[in-house]
Protein backbone atom coordinates (compact mmCIF):
# COMPACT_ATOMS: atom_id res chain seq x y z
CA UNK A 1 70.65 -13.70 41.39
CA UNK A 2 69.14 -14.72 38.05
CA UNK A 3 67.16 -17.90 38.66
CA UNK A 4 65.70 -18.14 35.13
CA UNK A 5 68.14 -20.92 34.27
CA UNK A 6 66.78 -22.97 37.17
CA UNK A 7 63.15 -22.72 35.98
CA UNK A 8 61.37 -25.55 34.25
CA UNK A 9 60.15 -25.02 30.69
CA UNK A 10 56.58 -24.47 31.93
CA UNK A 11 57.69 -21.95 34.55
CA UNK A 12 59.85 -20.12 32.03
CA UNK A 13 56.94 -19.90 29.62
CA UNK A 14 54.68 -18.54 32.36
CA UNK A 15 57.31 -15.97 33.32
CA UNK A 16 57.55 -14.87 29.70
CA UNK A 17 53.77 -14.41 29.56
CA UNK A 18 53.84 -12.33 32.76
CA UNK A 19 56.58 -10.10 31.35
CA UNK A 20 54.63 -9.64 28.13
CA UNK A 21 51.50 -8.61 30.04
CA UNK A 22 53.62 -6.25 32.15
CA UNK A 23 54.95 -4.56 29.01
CA UNK A 24 51.42 -4.20 27.63
CA UNK A 25 50.23 -2.71 30.92
CA UNK A 26 53.09 -0.20 30.95
CA UNK A 27 52.24 0.83 27.39
CA UNK A 28 48.58 1.33 28.37
CA UNK A 29 49.64 3.46 31.34
CA UNK A 30 51.78 5.63 29.07
CA UNK A 31 48.86 6.10 26.69
CA UNK A 32 46.59 7.14 29.57
CA UNK A 33 49.18 9.66 30.81
CA UNK A 34 49.91 11.11 27.38
CA UNK A 35 48.22 14.46 26.59
CA UNK A 36 45.19 14.15 24.37
CA UNK A 37 45.79 15.06 20.75
CA UNK A 38 43.12 15.99 18.22
CA UNK A 39 41.98 12.94 16.28
CA UNK A 40 39.75 12.51 13.26
CA UNK A 41 36.04 12.31 13.96
CA UNK A 42 35.92 8.66 12.95
CA UNK A 43 38.49 7.83 15.65
CA UNK A 44 36.20 9.25 18.34
CA UNK A 45 32.96 7.56 17.30
CA UNK A 46 33.33 4.91 19.97
CA UNK A 47 32.31 7.58 22.48
CA UNK A 48 28.96 7.89 20.78
CA UNK A 49 28.57 4.24 19.92
CA UNK A 50 27.59 3.17 23.41
CA UNK A 51 25.62 6.19 24.54
CA UNK A 52 25.34 9.06 22.06
CA UNK A 53 23.38 10.91 24.74
CA UNK A 54 23.81 14.52 25.82
CA UNK A 55 27.25 13.94 27.34
CA UNK A 56 28.53 12.09 24.27
CA UNK A 57 27.39 14.79 21.86
CA UNK A 58 28.71 17.48 24.22
CA UNK A 59 32.12 15.78 24.31
CA UNK A 60 32.37 15.86 20.52
CA UNK A 61 31.37 19.53 20.49
CA UNK A 62 33.89 20.48 23.20
CA UNK A 63 36.70 18.75 21.30
CA UNK A 64 35.67 20.53 18.08
CA UNK A 65 34.76 17.27 16.39
CA UNK A 66 31.19 18.48 15.92
CA UNK A 67 29.62 21.94 15.85
CA UNK A 68 26.72 22.84 18.17
CA UNK A 69 24.53 23.66 15.17
CA UNK A 70 21.40 21.47 15.26
CA UNK A 71 21.68 20.81 11.52
CA UNK A 72 25.21 19.45 11.94
CA UNK A 73 24.17 17.26 14.89
CA UNK A 74 21.21 15.95 12.91
CA UNK A 75 23.41 15.13 9.91
CA UNK A 76 25.90 13.38 12.21
CA UNK A 77 23.13 11.18 13.63
CA UNK A 78 21.48 10.66 10.24
CA UNK A 79 24.67 9.36 8.65
CA UNK A 80 25.08 7.21 11.76
CA UNK A 81 28.50 5.80 10.89
CA UNK A 82 29.44 3.46 13.73
CA UNK A 83 26.65 4.72 15.99
CA UNK A 84 24.16 2.62 17.93
CA UNK A 85 20.63 2.96 16.58
CA UNK A 86 19.32 2.57 20.11
CA UNK A 87 21.53 5.44 21.28
CA UNK A 88 20.37 7.64 18.40
CA UNK A 89 16.75 6.97 19.36
CA UNK A 90 17.50 7.76 22.99
CA UNK A 91 19.04 11.13 22.08
CA UNK A 92 16.25 12.07 19.66
CA UNK A 93 13.62 11.16 22.24
CA UNK A 94 14.78 13.62 24.89
CA UNK A 95 12.55 16.62 25.57
CA UNK A 96 15.36 19.16 25.93
CA UNK A 97 14.78 22.10 23.51
CA UNK A 98 18.00 21.34 21.64
CA UNK A 99 17.06 17.67 21.25
CA UNK A 100 13.61 18.63 19.94
CA UNK A 101 15.22 20.86 17.32
CA UNK A 102 17.65 18.10 16.38
CA UNK A 103 14.73 15.66 16.05
CA UNK A 104 13.01 17.98 13.58
CA UNK A 105 16.22 18.51 11.62
CA UNK A 106 16.89 14.74 11.68
CA UNK A 107 13.44 14.00 10.25
CA UNK A 108 13.99 16.67 7.60
CA UNK A 109 17.10 14.77 6.46
CA UNK A 110 14.76 12.09 5.10
CA UNK A 111 13.34 12.49 1.61
CA UNK A 112 9.97 10.74 1.31
CA UNK A 113 8.75 12.23 -1.97
CA UNK A 114 7.11 9.66 -4.27
CA UNK A 115 7.45 6.89 -1.67
CA UNK A 116 4.39 5.07 -0.41
CA UNK A 117 3.92 5.01 3.34
CA UNK A 118 5.45 1.55 3.80
CA UNK A 119 8.61 2.53 1.95
CA UNK A 120 8.90 5.78 3.91
CA UNK A 121 8.44 3.97 7.22
CA UNK A 122 11.15 1.50 6.28
CA UNK A 123 13.59 4.31 5.56
CA UNK A 124 12.69 6.22 8.73
CA UNK A 125 12.81 3.28 11.15
CA UNK A 126 16.08 2.01 9.69
CA UNK A 127 17.82 5.20 10.81
CA UNK A 128 17.29 4.71 14.56
CA UNK A 129 15.50 2.54 17.08
CA UNK A 130 12.25 3.73 18.64
CA UNK A 131 12.52 4.16 22.42
CA UNK A 132 9.99 2.55 24.72
CA UNK A 133 8.28 5.58 26.26
CA UNK A 134 4.92 6.54 24.74
CA UNK A 135 5.54 10.30 24.79
CA UNK A 136 8.84 9.93 22.95
CA UNK A 137 7.32 7.64 20.33
CA UNK A 138 4.43 10.06 19.89
CA UNK A 139 6.78 12.98 19.18
CA UNK A 140 8.87 10.97 16.73
CA UNK A 141 5.93 9.56 14.79
CA UNK A 142 4.21 12.96 14.80
CA UNK A 143 7.32 14.45 13.20
CA UNK A 144 7.45 11.58 10.68
CA UNK A 145 3.80 12.03 9.70
CA UNK A 146 4.24 15.78 9.22
CA UNK A 147 7.34 15.25 7.07
CA UNK A 148 5.67 12.56 4.94
CA UNK A 149 2.63 14.75 4.27
CA UNK A 150 4.90 17.69 3.39
CA UNK A 151 6.81 15.52 0.89
CA UNK A 152 3.61 13.99 -0.52
CA UNK A 153 0.86 16.64 -0.49
CA UNK A 154 -2.66 15.40 -1.15
CA UNK A 155 -2.07 11.76 -0.17
CA UNK A 156 -3.83 12.18 3.19
CA UNK A 157 -6.36 14.69 4.51
CA UNK A 158 -4.27 15.34 7.62
CA UNK A 159 -1.12 14.31 9.45
CA UNK A 160 -3.34 12.46 11.96
CA UNK A 161 -4.41 10.10 9.17
CA UNK A 162 -0.79 9.39 8.28
CA UNK A 163 0.07 8.93 11.98
CA UNK A 164 -2.65 6.31 12.63
CA UNK A 165 -2.03 4.44 9.39
CA UNK A 166 1.71 4.28 10.12
CA UNK A 167 1.07 2.52 13.42
CA UNK A 168 -1.42 0.17 11.76
CA UNK A 169 1.27 -0.88 9.29
CA UNK A 170 3.81 -1.48 12.06
CA UNK A 171 1.31 -3.56 14.05
CA UNK A 172 0.40 -5.52 10.92
CA UNK A 173 4.02 -6.67 10.73
CA UNK A 174 3.50 -9.22 13.49
CA UNK A 175 0.54 -10.93 11.88
CA UNK A 176 2.06 -11.08 8.40
CA UNK A 177 5.57 -12.25 9.18
CA UNK A 178 5.73 -14.00 12.54
CA UNK A 179 5.41 -17.78 12.10
CA UNK A 180 4.49 -18.12 15.77
CA UNK A 181 1.22 -16.26 15.22
CA UNK A 182 -1.32 -18.64 13.71
CA UNK A 183 -4.25 -16.27 13.12
CA UNK A 184 -2.87 -13.83 10.63
CA UNK A 185 -4.95 -10.66 10.28
CA UNK A 186 -6.64 -10.59 6.85
CA UNK A 187 -6.97 -7.53 4.67
CA UNK A 188 -10.50 -6.97 5.95
CA UNK A 189 -9.21 -6.58 9.49
CA UNK A 190 -6.63 -4.04 8.33
CA UNK A 191 -9.40 -2.05 6.64
CA UNK A 192 -11.51 -2.23 9.80
CA UNK A 193 -8.59 -0.97 11.92
CA UNK A 194 -8.46 2.18 9.82
CA UNK A 195 -12.11 3.11 9.37
CA UNK A 196 -12.86 6.80 9.71
CA UNK A 197 -9.25 7.90 10.12
CA UNK A 198 -9.25 10.20 7.06
CA UNK A 199 -10.90 13.14 8.87
CA UNK A 200 -13.93 10.99 9.59
CA UNK A 201 -14.10 9.23 6.23
CA UNK A 202 -12.51 5.98 5.05
CA UNK A 203 -9.37 5.78 2.97
CA UNK A 204 -9.81 4.27 -0.51
CA UNK A 205 -9.68 0.50 -0.31
CA UNK A 206 -7.22 0.29 -3.17
CA UNK A 207 -4.81 2.56 -1.31
CA UNK A 208 -4.92 0.27 1.72
CA UNK A 209 -4.59 -2.82 -0.45
CA UNK A 210 -1.48 -1.47 -2.17
CA UNK A 211 0.11 -0.83 1.23
CA UNK A 212 -0.59 -4.35 2.48
CA UNK A 213 0.74 -5.84 -0.76
CA UNK A 214 3.97 -3.87 -0.39
CA UNK A 215 4.12 -4.88 3.27
CA UNK A 216 3.57 -8.60 2.66
CA UNK A 217 6.05 -8.80 -0.23
CA UNK A 218 8.80 -7.07 1.76
CA UNK A 219 8.92 -8.62 5.25
CA UNK A 220 10.59 -7.03 8.24
CA UNK A 221 10.55 -3.57 6.72
CA UNK A 222 10.17 -1.81 10.06
CA UNK A 223 13.30 -2.83 11.96
CA UNK A 224 13.57 -1.78 15.59
CA UNK A 225 17.07 -2.98 16.49
CA UNK A 226 20.72 -2.19 15.88
CA UNK A 227 21.43 -4.98 13.43
CA UNK A 228 19.61 -6.72 10.60
CA UNK A 229 15.85 -6.85 11.07
CA UNK A 230 14.36 -9.85 12.81
CA UNK A 231 11.14 -11.59 11.93
CA UNK A 232 8.25 -9.92 13.72
CA UNK A 233 8.41 -6.68 15.65
CA UNK A 234 10.95 -7.79 18.25
CA UNK A 235 14.46 -9.08 18.08
CA UNK A 236 13.95 -12.72 19.12
CA UNK A 237 15.58 -14.20 22.18
CA UNK A 238 15.49 -17.97 22.54
CA UNK A 239 16.98 -20.76 24.60
CA UNK A 240 16.38 -23.46 27.20
CA UNK A 241 15.17 -22.43 30.64
CA UNK A 242 13.51 -24.20 33.56
CA UNK A 243 10.04 -23.08 34.57
CA UNK A 244 8.92 -23.83 38.09
CA UNK A 245 6.07 -23.97 40.55
CA UNK A 246 6.20 -24.66 44.24
CA UNK A 247 6.83 -28.40 43.88
CA UNK A 248 8.04 -29.03 40.34
CA UNK A 249 10.48 -27.61 37.81
CA UNK A 250 10.32 -28.51 34.12
CA UNK A 251 12.81 -27.86 31.36
CA UNK A 252 11.25 -25.82 28.54
CA UNK A 253 12.39 -24.11 25.35
CA UNK A 254 11.51 -20.39 25.46
CA UNK A 255 11.20 -17.89 22.62
CA UNK A 256 10.72 -14.17 23.27
CA UNK A 257 9.19 -12.27 20.37
CA UNK A 258 6.32 -9.89 19.60
CA UNK A 259 5.92 -8.86 23.26
CA UNK A 260 5.12 -12.45 24.21
CA UNK A 261 7.07 -15.25 25.88
CA UNK A 262 6.37 -18.60 24.19
CA UNK A 263 7.46 -21.88 25.74
CA UNK A 264 7.73 -25.30 24.11
CA UNK A 265 8.27 -28.78 25.52
CA UNK A 266 10.78 -29.67 22.80
CA UNK A 267 12.75 -27.57 20.33
CA UNK A 268 11.15 -29.50 17.47
CA UNK A 269 7.58 -28.67 18.55
CA UNK A 270 5.62 -26.56 16.08
CA UNK A 271 3.06 -25.38 18.62
CA UNK A 272 3.94 -23.79 21.98
CA UNK A 273 2.79 -25.34 25.22
CA UNK A 274 2.04 -21.88 26.55
CA UNK A 275 2.05 -18.18 25.76
CA UNK A 276 2.62 -15.37 28.26
CA UNK A 277 1.73 -11.89 26.90
CA UNK A 278 4.09 -9.41 28.54
CA UNK A 279 1.78 -6.41 28.49
CA UNK A 280 1.67 -4.63 31.87
CA UNK A 281 4.05 -7.16 33.48
CA UNK A 282 7.38 -6.65 35.23
CA UNK A 283 10.40 -8.92 35.59
CA UNK A 284 13.10 -9.09 38.24
CA UNK A 285 15.74 -11.49 39.51
CA UNK A 286 14.78 -13.45 42.62
CA UNK A 287 16.36 -15.93 45.00
CA UNK A 288 14.91 -19.43 45.12
CA UNK A 289 15.98 -22.16 47.55
CA UNK A 290 15.56 -24.90 44.94
CA UNK A 291 16.97 -23.31 41.79
CA UNK A 292 19.77 -20.81 41.09
CA UNK A 293 19.74 -17.82 38.72
CA UNK A 294 15.98 -17.22 38.83
CA UNK A 295 13.86 -14.48 37.34
CA UNK A 296 10.18 -13.83 37.99
CA UNK A 297 7.38 -12.36 35.90
CA UNK A 298 4.59 -10.66 37.86
CA UNK A 299 1.93 -7.94 37.73
CA UNK A 300 3.44 -4.83 39.38
CA UNK A 301 0.09 -3.12 39.94
CA UNK A 302 -1.17 -6.01 42.08
CA UNK A 303 1.42 -8.62 42.92
CA UNK A 304 -0.12 -12.08 43.02
CA UNK A 305 -2.97 -11.17 40.68
CA UNK A 306 -3.57 -13.78 37.99
CA UNK A 307 -1.52 -13.14 34.86
CA UNK A 308 -3.30 -13.30 31.51
CA UNK A 309 -1.75 -16.31 29.79
CA UNK A 310 -2.77 -19.55 28.12
CA UNK A 311 -1.42 -23.08 27.78
CA UNK A 312 -2.43 -26.48 26.44
CA UNK A 313 -3.62 -29.16 28.83
CA UNK A 314 -2.95 -32.91 28.65
CA UNK A 315 -5.64 -33.33 25.98
CA UNK A 316 -4.25 -30.57 23.81
CA UNK A 317 -7.00 -28.08 24.66
CA UNK A 318 -6.10 -24.43 25.14
CA UNK A 319 -6.90 -23.30 28.68
CA UNK A 320 -6.39 -20.07 30.60
CA UNK A 321 -3.35 -19.83 32.83
CA UNK A 322 -3.90 -19.53 36.58
CA UNK A 323 -0.55 -18.27 37.84
CA UNK A 324 -0.02 -15.06 39.78
CA UNK A 325 3.65 -15.13 38.76
CA UNK A 326 6.04 -17.15 36.62
CA UNK A 327 9.41 -18.14 38.05
CA UNK A 328 12.09 -19.22 35.58
CA UNK A 329 15.62 -20.52 36.17
CA UNK A 330 18.56 -19.89 33.82
CA UNK A 331 21.84 -21.80 33.61
CA UNK A 332 23.99 -18.87 34.75
CA UNK A 333 23.75 -15.38 36.20
CA UNK A 334 24.83 -13.94 32.85
CA UNK A 335 22.09 -15.80 30.98
CA UNK A 336 19.49 -14.74 33.57
CA UNK A 337 20.50 -11.09 33.24
CA UNK A 338 20.36 -11.30 29.43
CA UNK A 339 16.82 -12.67 29.59
CA UNK A 340 15.75 -9.99 32.07
CA UNK A 341 17.17 -7.27 29.82
CA UNK A 342 15.47 -8.72 26.74
CA UNK A 343 12.12 -9.15 28.50
CA UNK A 344 12.21 -5.61 29.88
CA UNK A 345 12.96 -4.26 26.42
CA UNK A 346 10.02 -6.22 25.05
CA UNK A 347 7.65 -5.09 27.81
CA UNK A 348 8.49 -1.42 27.29
CA UNK A 349 8.94 -1.64 23.54
CA UNK A 350 6.10 0.43 22.05
CA UNK A 351 2.60 1.15 23.37
CA UNK A 352 1.20 1.36 19.83
CA UNK A 353 -2.42 0.60 20.64
CA UNK A 354 -2.74 3.34 23.26
CA UNK A 355 -1.23 5.92 20.92
CA UNK A 356 -3.49 4.93 18.03
CA UNK A 357 -6.58 4.95 20.26
CA UNK A 358 -5.79 8.45 21.51
CA UNK A 359 -5.24 9.77 17.98
CA UNK A 360 -8.48 8.20 16.69
CA UNK A 361 -10.39 9.98 19.47
CA UNK A 362 -8.79 13.23 18.35
CA UNK A 363 -9.92 12.62 14.76
CA UNK A 364 -13.44 11.69 15.87
CA UNK A 365 -13.75 14.88 17.93
CA UNK A 366 -13.33 16.97 14.77
CA UNK A 367 -16.43 15.52 13.10
């Protein structure tokens, strides 16, 4: 018997919504059951947007949306229409022979002739996001340096010079354009960073000065994310969190940028109450009897060892932190997980200093 006439207006409306959802579900089921038909390449890009790893590329090849030729794959990634820059970097960073060939072909897609090094870096790092592993970064920047020197013969004595100077420019980004960093590195420090890198001799000072002038007049020219570039070398993450010790929890405003976690007492404060450098740290979610949705920063090599950090005391003096770990509470599980993901990305972002140090030793050994 049809009871719809006996329903109240609210019940009838709810029934109508249920029927509508049922129709949508049936349509989705029909789509899933329907045989796959060839679609334009642009209609399949969502497969590569999230991953673009080996399986994603292989899927496009199997469905004849992309050829297995490394030049075609490189062009597909270089054009990057609808693709995640992070996913592109992940694919290019793999050590599989095919991926290595694609990396070389991808770098060759870039034309660096008559560009100074800052301009070339901007173009290169806009096309993908550097992964976090040192070996992958080393291969990518090695390929970049070789390509730049090929396009601009005579600018540098060797590709090693270009390699080291490229990292120096990227590292300089933090000091020039991050308002949270008070002691901005002067030109003299930049010169000092690059002494002896030109096969044992120094680069002309005017050449270095022109690079820093280009760098300072065009902020955020080395983006590392999927969207518009952020100030500094990291995409900033900010928001209120509660920081705790055994007996007390205090509400603080946190900002994650430049591989450091800054915390402020109030959002209007110009100076942070404390700074936690994230180098060599790990983060994980933990259970706490007093606060929900907690995460903890700690030293994985020796849990409980004092973390290198600093804060201001009651008199405004900067003092060394004394904590073996930092426990922080978010307002929800989702927020906690977002912070953990962002912190992990920052921790593993790019080991620039180690790579530069190793390459400088290589240059020095040739003297």
